[in-house]
Amino acid sequence: ALLGSIVVSFLAASAAPTPLYEHYDVVWGGS
């Protein structure tokens, strides 16, 4: 359970910025 939870949290962290990318593009002038 512990090792599996670390895999889950690592991949969750990799997906965490996904909903914010459009905000970053607007604020920082991205595309």
Full PDB file with SEQRES, HELIX, SHEET, SSBOND, CRYST1, ORIGX, SCALE, CONECT and MASTER records, all heavy atoms in Angstrom:
SEQRES   1 A   31  ALA LEU LEU GLY SER ILE VAL VAL SER PHE LEU ALA ALA          
SEQRES   2 A   31  SER ALA ALA PRO THR PRO LEU TYR GLU HIS TYR ASP VAL          
SEQRES   3 A   31  VAL TRP GLY GLY SER                                          
HELIX    1 AA1 LEU A    2  ALA A   15  1                                  14    
HELIX    2 AA2 THR A   18  LEU A   20  5                                   3    
HELIX    3 AA3 TYR A   21  TRP A   28  1                                   8    
CRYST1    1.000    1.000    1.000  90.00  90.00  90.00 P 1           1          
ORIGX1      1.000000  0.000000  0.000000        0.00000                         
ORIGX2      0.000000  1.000000  0.000000        0.00000                         
ORIGX3      0.000000  0.000000  1.000000        0.00000                         
SCALE1      1.000000  0.000000  0.000000        0.00000                         
SCALE2      0.000000  1.000000  0.000000        0.00000                         
SCALE3      0.000000  0.000000  1.000000        0.00000                         
ATOM      1  N   ALA A   1       0.825  -1.207   0.000  1.00  0.00           N  
ATOM      2  CA  ALA A   1       0.000   0.000   0.000  1.00  0.00           C  
ATOM      3  C   ALA A   1       0.860   1.259   0.000  1.00  0.00           C  
ATOM      4  O   ALA A   1       0.573   2.229  -0.720  1.00  0.00           O  
ATOM      5  CB  ALA A   1      -0.937  -0.005   1.204  1.00  0.00           C  
ATOM      6  N   LEU A   2       1.933   1.267   0.783  1.00  0.00           N  
ATOM      7  CA  LEU A   2       2.799   2.445   0.853  1.00  0.00           C  
ATOM      8  C   LEU A   2       3.501   2.695  -0.472  1.00  0.00           C  
ATOM      9  O   LEU A   2       3.490   3.822  -0.994  1.00  0.00           O  
ATOM     10  CB  LEU A   2       3.834   2.264   1.974  1.00  0.00           C  
ATOM     11  CG  LEU A   2       4.903   3.369   2.073  1.00  0.00           C  
ATOM     12  CD1 LEU A   2       4.266   4.725   2.295  1.00  0.00           C  
ATOM     13  CD2 LEU A   2       5.906   3.039   3.181  1.00  0.00           C  
ATOM     14  N   LEU A   3       4.111   1.649  -1.035  1.00  0.00           N  
ATOM     15  CA  LEU A   3       4.815   1.828  -2.302  1.00  0.00           C  
ATOM     16  C   LEU A   3       3.846   2.216  -3.419  1.00  0.00           C  
ATOM     17  O   LEU A   3       4.145   3.065  -4.261  1.00  0.00           O  
ATOM     18  CB  LEU A   3       5.560   0.543  -2.661  1.00  0.00           C  
ATOM     19  CG  LEU A   3       6.694   0.144  -1.698  1.00  0.00           C  
ATOM     20  CD1 LEU A   3       7.277  -1.204  -2.100  1.00  0.00           C  
ATOM     21  CD2 LEU A   3       7.779   1.200  -1.663  1.00  0.00           C  
ATOM     22  N   GLY A   4       2.671   1.593  -3.420  1.00  0.00           N  
ATOM     23  CA  GLY A   4       1.669   1.954  -4.414  1.00  0.00           C  
ATOM     24  C   GLY A   4       1.212   3.387  -4.258  1.00  0.00           C  
ATOM     25  O   GLY A   4       0.991   4.096  -5.251  1.00  0.00           O  
ATOM     26  N   SER A   5       1.070   3.851  -3.010  1.00  0.00           N  
ATOM     27  CA  SER A   5       0.640   5.233  -2.776  1.00  0.00           C  
ATOM     28  C   SER A   5       1.673   6.233  -3.280  1.00  0.00           C  
ATOM     29  O   SER A   5       1.319   7.331  -3.732  1.00  0.00           O  
ATOM     30  CB  SER A   5       0.383   5.463  -1.281  1.00  0.00           C  
ATOM     31  OG  SER A   5       1.601   5.579  -0.548  1.00  0.00           O  
ATOM     32  N   ILE A   6       2.956   5.850  -3.239  1.00  0.00           N  
ATOM     33  CA  ILE A   6       4.000   6.754  -3.745  1.00  0.00           C  
ATOM     34  C   ILE A   6       3.912   6.864  -5.265  1.00  0.00           C  
ATOM     35  O   ILE A   6       4.042   7.951  -5.835  1.00  0.00           O  
ATOM     36  CB  ILE A   6       5.393   6.266  -3.308  1.00  0.00           C  
ATOM     37  CG1 ILE A   6       5.521   6.334  -1.784  1.00  0.00           C  
ATOM     38  CG2 ILE A   6       6.487   7.102  -3.954  1.00  0.00           C  
ATOM     39  CD1 ILE A   6       6.812   5.755  -1.244  1.00  0.00           C  
ATOM     40  N   VAL A   7       3.675   5.729  -5.928  1.00  0.00           N  
ATOM     41  CA  VAL A   7       3.479   5.778  -7.384  1.00  0.00           C  
ATOM     42  C   VAL A   7       2.284   6.676  -7.715  1.00  0.00           C  
ATOM     43  O   VAL A   7       2.343   7.524  -8.610  1.00  0.00           O  
ATOM     44  CB  VAL A   7       3.259   4.369  -7.961  1.00  0.00           C  
ATOM     45  CG1 VAL A   7       2.967   4.442  -9.453  1.00  0.00           C  
ATOM     46  CG2 VAL A   7       4.479   3.495  -7.719  1.00  0.00           C  
ATOM     47  N   VAL A   8       1.181   6.491  -6.981  1.00  0.00           N  
ATOM     48  CA  VAL A   8      -0.019   7.308  -7.212  1.00  0.00           C  
ATOM     49  C   VAL A   8       0.293   8.786  -6.999  1.00  0.00           C  
ATOM     50  O   VAL A   8      -0.084   9.636  -7.819  1.00  0.00           O  
ATOM     51  CB  VAL A   8      -1.163   6.856  -6.281  1.00  0.00           C  
ATOM     52  CG1 VAL A   8      -2.319   7.857  -6.318  1.00  0.00           C  
ATOM     53  CG2 VAL A   8      -1.665   5.482  -6.690  1.00  0.00           C  
ATOM     54  N   SER A   9       0.985   9.122  -5.915  1.00  0.00           N  
ATOM     55  CA  SER A   9       1.270  10.533  -5.639  1.00  0.00           C  
ATOM     56  C   SER A   9       2.243  11.130  -6.655  1.00  0.00           C  
ATOM     57  O   SER A   9       2.109  12.298  -7.041  1.00  0.00           O  
ATOM     58  CB  SER A   9       1.828  10.702  -4.217  1.00  0.00           C  
ATOM     59  OG  SER A   9       3.079  10.055  -4.073  1.00  0.00           O  
ATOM     60  N   PHE A  10       3.220  10.334  -7.120  1.00  0.00           N  
ATOM     61  CA  PHE A  10       4.147  10.824  -8.138  1.00  0.00           C  
ATOM     62  C   PHE A  10       3.403  11.157  -9.430  1.00  0.00           C  
ATOM     63  O   PHE A  10       3.619  12.203 -10.041  1.00  0.00           O  
ATOM     64  CB  PHE A  10       5.223   9.774  -8.427  1.00  0.00           C  
ATOM     65  CG  PHE A  10       6.400   9.826  -7.493  1.00  0.00           C  
ATOM     66  CD1 PHE A  10       6.286  10.376  -6.226  1.00  0.00           C  
ATOM     67  CD2 PHE A  10       7.639   9.317  -7.860  1.00  0.00           C  
ATOM     68  CE1 PHE A  10       7.366  10.420  -5.358  1.00  0.00           C  
ATOM     69  CE2 PHE A  10       8.731   9.359  -7.006  1.00  0.00           C  
ATOM     70  CZ  PHE A  10       8.584   9.907  -5.747  1.00  0.00           C  
ATOM     71  N   LEU A  11       2.526  10.249  -9.857  1.00  0.00           N  
ATOM     72  CA  LEU A  11       1.787  10.494 -11.092  1.00  0.00           C  
ATOM     73  C   LEU A  11       0.726  11.560 -10.897  1.00  0.00           C  
ATOM     74  O   LEU A  11       0.410  12.311 -11.834  1.00  0.00           O  
ATOM     75  CB  LEU A  11       1.168   9.194 -11.597  1.00  0.00           C  
ATOM     76  CG  LEU A  11       2.050   8.306 -12.489  1.00  0.00           C  
ATOM     77  CD1 LEU A  11       2.401   9.008 -13.788  1.00  0.00           C  
ATOM     78  CD2 LEU A  11       3.313   7.839 -11.775  1.00  0.00           C  
ATOM     79  N   ALA A  12       0.163  11.658  -9.690  1.00  0.00           N  
ATOM     80  CA  ALA A  12      -0.773  12.741  -9.401  1.00  0.00           C  
ATOM     81  C   ALA A  12      -0.072  14.090  -9.493  1.00  0.00           C  
ATOM     82  O   ALA A  12      -0.618  15.061 -10.040  1.00  0.00           O  
ATOM     83  CB  ALA A  12      -1.378  12.549  -8.007  1.00  0.00           C  
ATOM     84  N   ALA A  13       1.149  14.157  -8.983  1.00  0.00           N  
ATOM     85  CA  ALA A  13       1.916  15.398  -9.062  1.00  0.00           C  
ATOM     86  C   ALA A  13       2.230  15.768 -10.504  1.00  0.00           C  
ATOM     87  O   ALA A  13       2.251  16.946 -10.875  1.00  0.00           O  
ATOM     88  CB  ALA A  13       3.213  15.260  -8.256  1.00  0.00           C  
ATOM     89  N   SER A  14       2.462  14.751 -11.336  1.00  0.00           N  
ATOM     90  CA  SER A  14       2.759  15.040 -12.745  1.00  0.00           C  
ATOM     91  C   SER A  14       1.548  15.628 -13.458  1.00  0.00           C  
ATOM     92  O   SER A  14       1.690  16.405 -14.411  1.00  0.00           O  
ATOM     93  CB  SER A  14       3.211  13.754 -13.459  1.00  0.00           C  
ATOM     94  OG  SER A  14       2.116  12.894 -13.707  1.00  0.00           O  
ATOM     95  N   ALA A  15       0.334  15.254 -13.014  1.00  0.00           N  
ATOM     96  CA  ALA A  15      -0.888  15.753 -13.649  1.00  0.00           C  
ATOM     97  C   ALA A  15      -1.424  17.010 -12.984  1.00  0.00           C  
ATOM     98  O   ALA A  15      -2.323  17.659 -13.537  1.00  0.00           O  
ATOM     99  CB  ALA A  15      -1.964  14.665 -13.618  1.00  0.00           C  
ATOM    100  N   ALA A  16      -0.905  17.365 -11.821  1.00  0.00           N  
ATOM    101  CA  ALA A  16      -1.439  18.502 -11.071  1.00  0.00           C  
ATOM    102  C   ALA A  16      -1.432  19.822 -11.842  1.00  0.00           C  
ATOM    103  O   ALA A  16      -2.374  20.613 -11.729  1.00  0.00           O  
ATOM    104  CB  ALA A  16      -0.682  18.651  -9.750  1.00  0.00           C  
ATOM    105  N   PRO A  17      -0.391  20.131 -12.633  1.00  0.00           N  
ATOM    106  CA  PRO A  17      -0.414  21.415 -13.350  1.00  0.00           C  
ATOM    107  C   PRO A  17      -1.402  21.472 -14.509  1.00  0.00           C  
ATOM    108  O   PRO A  17      -1.659  22.561 -15.041  1.00  0.00           O  
ATOM    109  CB  PRO A  17       1.030  21.547 -13.884  1.00  0.00           C  
ATOM    110  CG  PRO A  17       1.841  20.559 -13.132  1.00  0.00           C  
ATOM    111  CD  PRO A  17       0.912  19.448 -12.792  1.00  0.00           C  
ATOM    112  N   THR A  18      -1.961  20.320 -14.932  1.00  0.00           N  
ATOM    113  CA  THR A  18      -2.791  20.269 -16.139  1.00  0.00           C  
ATOM    114  C   THR A  18      -3.910  21.309 -16.159  1.00  0.00           C  
ATOM    115  O   THR A  18      -4.057  22.040 -17.142  1.00  0.00           O  
ATOM    116  CB  THR A  18      -3.361  18.856 -16.338  1.00  0.00           C  
ATOM    117  OG1 THR A  18      -2.281  17.944 -16.562  1.00  0.00           O  
ATOM    118  CG2 THR A  18      -4.308  18.800 -17.520  1.00  0.00           C  
ATOM    119  N   PRO A  19      -4.737  21.429 -15.091  1.00  0.00           N  
ATOM    120  CA  PRO A  19      -5.821  22.412 -15.147  1.00  0.00           C  
ATOM    121  C   PRO A  19      -5.344  23.863 -15.115  1.00  0.00           C  
ATOM    122  O   PRO A  19      -6.137  24.773 -15.381  1.00  0.00           O  
ATOM    123  CB  PRO A  19      -6.659  22.091 -13.897  1.00  0.00           C  
ATOM    124  CG  PRO A  19      -6.238  20.735 -13.467  1.00  0.00           C  
ATOM    125  CD  PRO A  19      -4.806  20.621 -13.866  1.00  0.00           C  
ATOM    126  N   LEU A  20      -4.070  24.085 -14.777  1.00  0.00           N  
ATOM    127  CA  LEU A  20      -3.559  25.448 -14.625  1.00  0.00           C  
ATOM    128  C   LEU A  20      -2.817  25.958 -15.853  1.00  0.00           C  
ATOM    129  O   LEU A  20      -2.446  27.134 -15.899  1.00  0.00           O  
ATOM    130  CB  LEU A  20      -2.615  25.507 -13.407  1.00  0.00           C  
ATOM    131  CG  LEU A  20      -3.295  25.465 -12.037  1.00  0.00           C  
ATOM    132  CD1 LEU A  20      -2.267  25.201 -10.950  1.00  0.00           C  
ATOM    133  CD2 LEU A  20      -4.019  26.777 -11.766  1.00  0.00           C  
ATOM    134  N   TYR A  21      -2.585  25.108 -16.837  1.00  0.00           N  
ATOM    135  CA  TYR A  21      -1.778  25.521 -17.977  1.00  0.00           C  
ATOM    136  C   TYR A  21      -2.377  26.731 -18.699  1.00  0.00           C  
ATOM    137  O   TYR A  21      -1.655  27.651 -19.099  1.00  0.00           O  
ATOM    138  CB  TYR A  21      -1.619  24.363 -18.965  1.00  0.00           C  
ATOM    139  CG  TYR A  21      -0.572  23.345 -18.551  1.00  0.00           C  
ATOM    140  CD1 TYR A  21      -0.775  21.980 -18.760  1.00  0.00           C  
ATOM    141  CD2 TYR A  21       0.615  23.742 -17.955  1.00  0.00           C  
ATOM    142  CE1 TYR A  21       0.183  21.042 -18.384  1.00  0.00           C  
ATOM    143  CE2 TYR A  21       1.570  22.813 -17.570  1.00  0.00           C  
ATOM    144  CZ  TYR A  21       1.348  21.461 -17.787  1.00  0.00           C  
ATOM    145  OH  TYR A  21       2.293  20.543 -17.409  1.00  0.00           O  
ATOM    146  N   GLU A  22      -3.683  26.741 -18.873  1.00  0.00           N  
ATOM    147  CA  GLU A  22      -4.296  27.878 -19.570  1.00  0.00           C  
ATOM    148  C   GLU A  22      -4.120  29.161 -18.760  1.00  0.00           C  
ATOM    149  O   GLU A  22      -3.873  30.238 -19.323  1.00  0.00           O  
ATOM    150  CB  GLU A  22      -5.777  27.614 -19.827  1.00  0.00           C  
ATOM    151  CG  GLU A  22      -6.413  28.668 -20.730  1.00  0.00           C  
ATOM    152  CD  GLU A  22      -7.860  28.369 -21.059  1.00  0.00           C  
ATOM    153  OE1 GLU A  22      -8.403  27.369 -20.542  1.00  0.00           O  
ATOM    154  OE2 GLU A  22      -8.452  29.142 -21.829  1.00  0.00           O  
ATOM    155  N   HIS A  23      -4.241  29.058 -17.427  1.00  0.00           N  
ATOM    156  CA  HIS A  23      -4.006  30.221 -16.567  1.00  0.00           C  
ATOM    157  C   HIS A  23      -2.566  30.714 -16.720  1.00  0.00           C  
ATOM    158  O   HIS A  23      -2.332  31.930 -16.848  1.00  0.00           O  
ATOM    159  CB  HIS A  23      -4.280  29.849 -15.116  1.00  0.00           C  
ATOM    160  CG  HIS A  23      -3.815  30.870 -14.118  1.00  0.00           C  
ATOM    161  ND1 HIS A  23      -4.521  32.027 -13.847  1.00  0.00           N  
ATOM    162  CD2 HIS A  23      -2.691  30.923 -13.343  1.00  0.00           C  
ATOM    163  CE1 HIS A  23      -3.862  32.743 -12.944  1.00  0.00           C  
ATOM    164  NE2 HIS A  23      -2.757  32.090 -12.620  1.00  0.00           N  
ATOM    165  N   TYR A  24      -1.626  29.792 -16.708  1.00  0.00           N  
ATOM    166  CA  TYR A  24      -0.224  30.184 -16.880  1.00  0.00           C  
ATOM    167  C   TYR A  24      -0.013  30.872 -18.231  1.00  0.00           C  
ATOM    168  O   TYR A  24       0.734  31.857 -18.334  1.00  0.00           O  
ATOM    169  CB  TYR A  24       0.682  28.949 -16.791  1.00  0.00           C  
ATOM    170  CG  TYR A  24       0.735  28.284 -15.428  1.00  0.00           C  
ATOM    171  CD1 TYR A  24       0.866  26.902 -15.316  1.00  0.00           C  
ATOM    172  CD2 TYR A  24       0.650  29.029 -14.258  1.00  0.00           C  
ATOM    173  CE1 TYR A  24       0.926  26.283 -14.075  1.00  0.00           C  
ATOM    174  CE2 TYR A  24       0.699  28.422 -13.021  1.00  0.00           C  
ATOM    175  CZ  TYR A  24       0.842  27.046 -12.924  1.00  0.00           C  
ATOM    176  OH  TYR A  24       0.895  26.445 -11.692  1.00  0.00           O  
ATOM    177  N   ASP A  25      -0.642  30.349 -19.276  1.00  0.00           N  
ATOM    178  CA  ASP A  25      -0.491  30.945 -20.603  1.00  0.00           C  
ATOM    179  C   ASP A  25      -0.979  32.393 -20.615  1.00  0.00           C  
ATOM    180  O   ASP A  25      -0.346  33.271 -21.214  1.00  0.00           O  
ATOM    181  CB  ASP A  25      -1.266  30.134 -21.650  1.00  0.00           C  
ATOM    182  CG  ASP A  25      -0.603  28.802 -21.967  1.00  0.00           C  
ATOM    183  OD1 ASP A  25       0.603  28.670 -21.674  1.00  0.00           O  
ATOM    184  OD2 ASP A  25      -1.280  27.900 -22.492  1.00  0.00           O  
ATOM    185  N   VAL A  26      -2.112  32.633 -19.944  1.00  0.00           N  
ATOM    186  CA  VAL A  26      -2.675  33.989 -19.918  1.00  0.00           C  
ATOM    187  C   VAL A  26      -1.798  34.931 -19.099  1.00  0.00           C  
ATOM    188  O   VAL A  26      -1.469  36.038 -19.532  1.00  0.00           O  
ATOM    189  CB  VAL A  26      -4.113  33.951 -19.352  1.00  0.00           C  
ATOM    190  CG1 VAL A  26      -4.635  35.373 -19.126  1.00  0.00           C  
ATOM    191  CG2 VAL A  26      -5.038  33.191 -20.285  1.00  0.00           C  
ATOM    192  N   VAL A  27      -1.404  34.488 -17.915  1.00  0.00           N  
ATOM    193  CA  VAL A  27      -0.659  35.352 -16.995  1.00  0.00           C  
ATOM    194  C   VAL A  27       0.776  35.571 -17.467  1.00  0.00           C  
ATOM    195  O   VAL A  27       1.318  36.681 -17.377  1.00  0.00           O  
ATOM    196  CB  VAL A  27      -0.666  34.753 -15.576  1.00  0.00           C  
ATOM    197  CG1 VAL A  27       0.225  35.560 -14.640  1.00  0.00           C  
ATOM    198  CG2 VAL A  27      -2.080  34.709 -15.038  1.00  0.00           C  
ATOM    199  N   TRP A  28       1.406  34.521 -18.003  1.00  0.00           N  
ATOM    200  CA  TRP A  28       2.818  34.608 -18.374  1.00  0.00           C  
ATOM    201  C   TRP A  28       3.040  34.770 -19.874  1.00  0.00           C  
ATOM    202  O   TRP A  28       4.179  34.736 -20.337  1.00  0.00           O  
ATOM    203  CB  TRP A  28       3.568  33.361 -17.890  1.00  0.00           C  
ATOM    204  CG  TRP A  28       3.538  33.189 -16.399  1.00  0.00           C  
ATOM    205  CD1 TRP A  28       3.358  34.161 -15.452  1.00  0.00           C  
ATOM    206  CD2 TRP A  28       3.690  31.959 -15.671  1.00  0.00           C  
ATOM    207  NE1 TRP A  28       3.381  33.622 -14.194  1.00  0.00           N  
ATOM    208  CE2 TRP A  28       3.595  32.271 -14.285  1.00  0.00           C  
ATOM    209  CE3 TRP A  28       3.902  30.643 -16.051  1.00  0.00           C  
ATOM    210  CZ2 TRP A  28       3.699  31.304 -13.297  1.00  0.00           C  
ATOM    211  CZ3 TRP A  28       4.014  29.671 -15.066  1.00  0.00           C  
ATOM    212  CH2 TRP A  28       3.913  30.008 -13.687  1.00  0.00           C  
ATOM    213  N   GLY A  29       1.970  34.913 -20.635  1.00  0.00           N  
ATOM    214  CA  GLY A  29       2.118  35.121 -22.071  1.00  0.00           C  
ATOM    215  C   GLY A  29       2.557  33.895 -22.831  1.00  0.00           C  
ATOM    216  O   GLY A  29       3.355  33.985 -23.766  1.00  0.00           O  
ATOM    217  N   GLY A  30       2.023  32.748 -22.462  1.00  0.00           N  
ATOM    218  CA  GLY A  30       2.368  31.512 -23.146  1.00  0.00           C  
ATOM    219  C   GLY A  30       1.414  31.194 -24.284  1.00  0.00           C  
ATOM    220  O   GLY A  30       0.582  32.022 -24.675  1.00  0.00           O  
ATOM    221  N   SER A  31       1.519  29.974 -24.796  1.00  0.00           N  
ATOM    222  CA  SER A  31       0.684  29.546 -25.920  1.00  0.00           C  
ATOM    223  C   SER A  31       0.476  28.039 -25.817  1.00  0.00           C  
ATOM    224  O   SER A  31       0.980  27.381 -24.903  1.00  0.00           O  
ATOM    225  CB  SER A  31       1.364  29.882 -27.247  1.00  0.00           C  
ATOM    226  OG  SER A  31       2.578  29.151 -27.377  1.00  0.00           O  
TER     227      SER A  31                                                      
MASTER        0    0    0    3    0    0    0    6  226    1    0    3          
END                                                                             
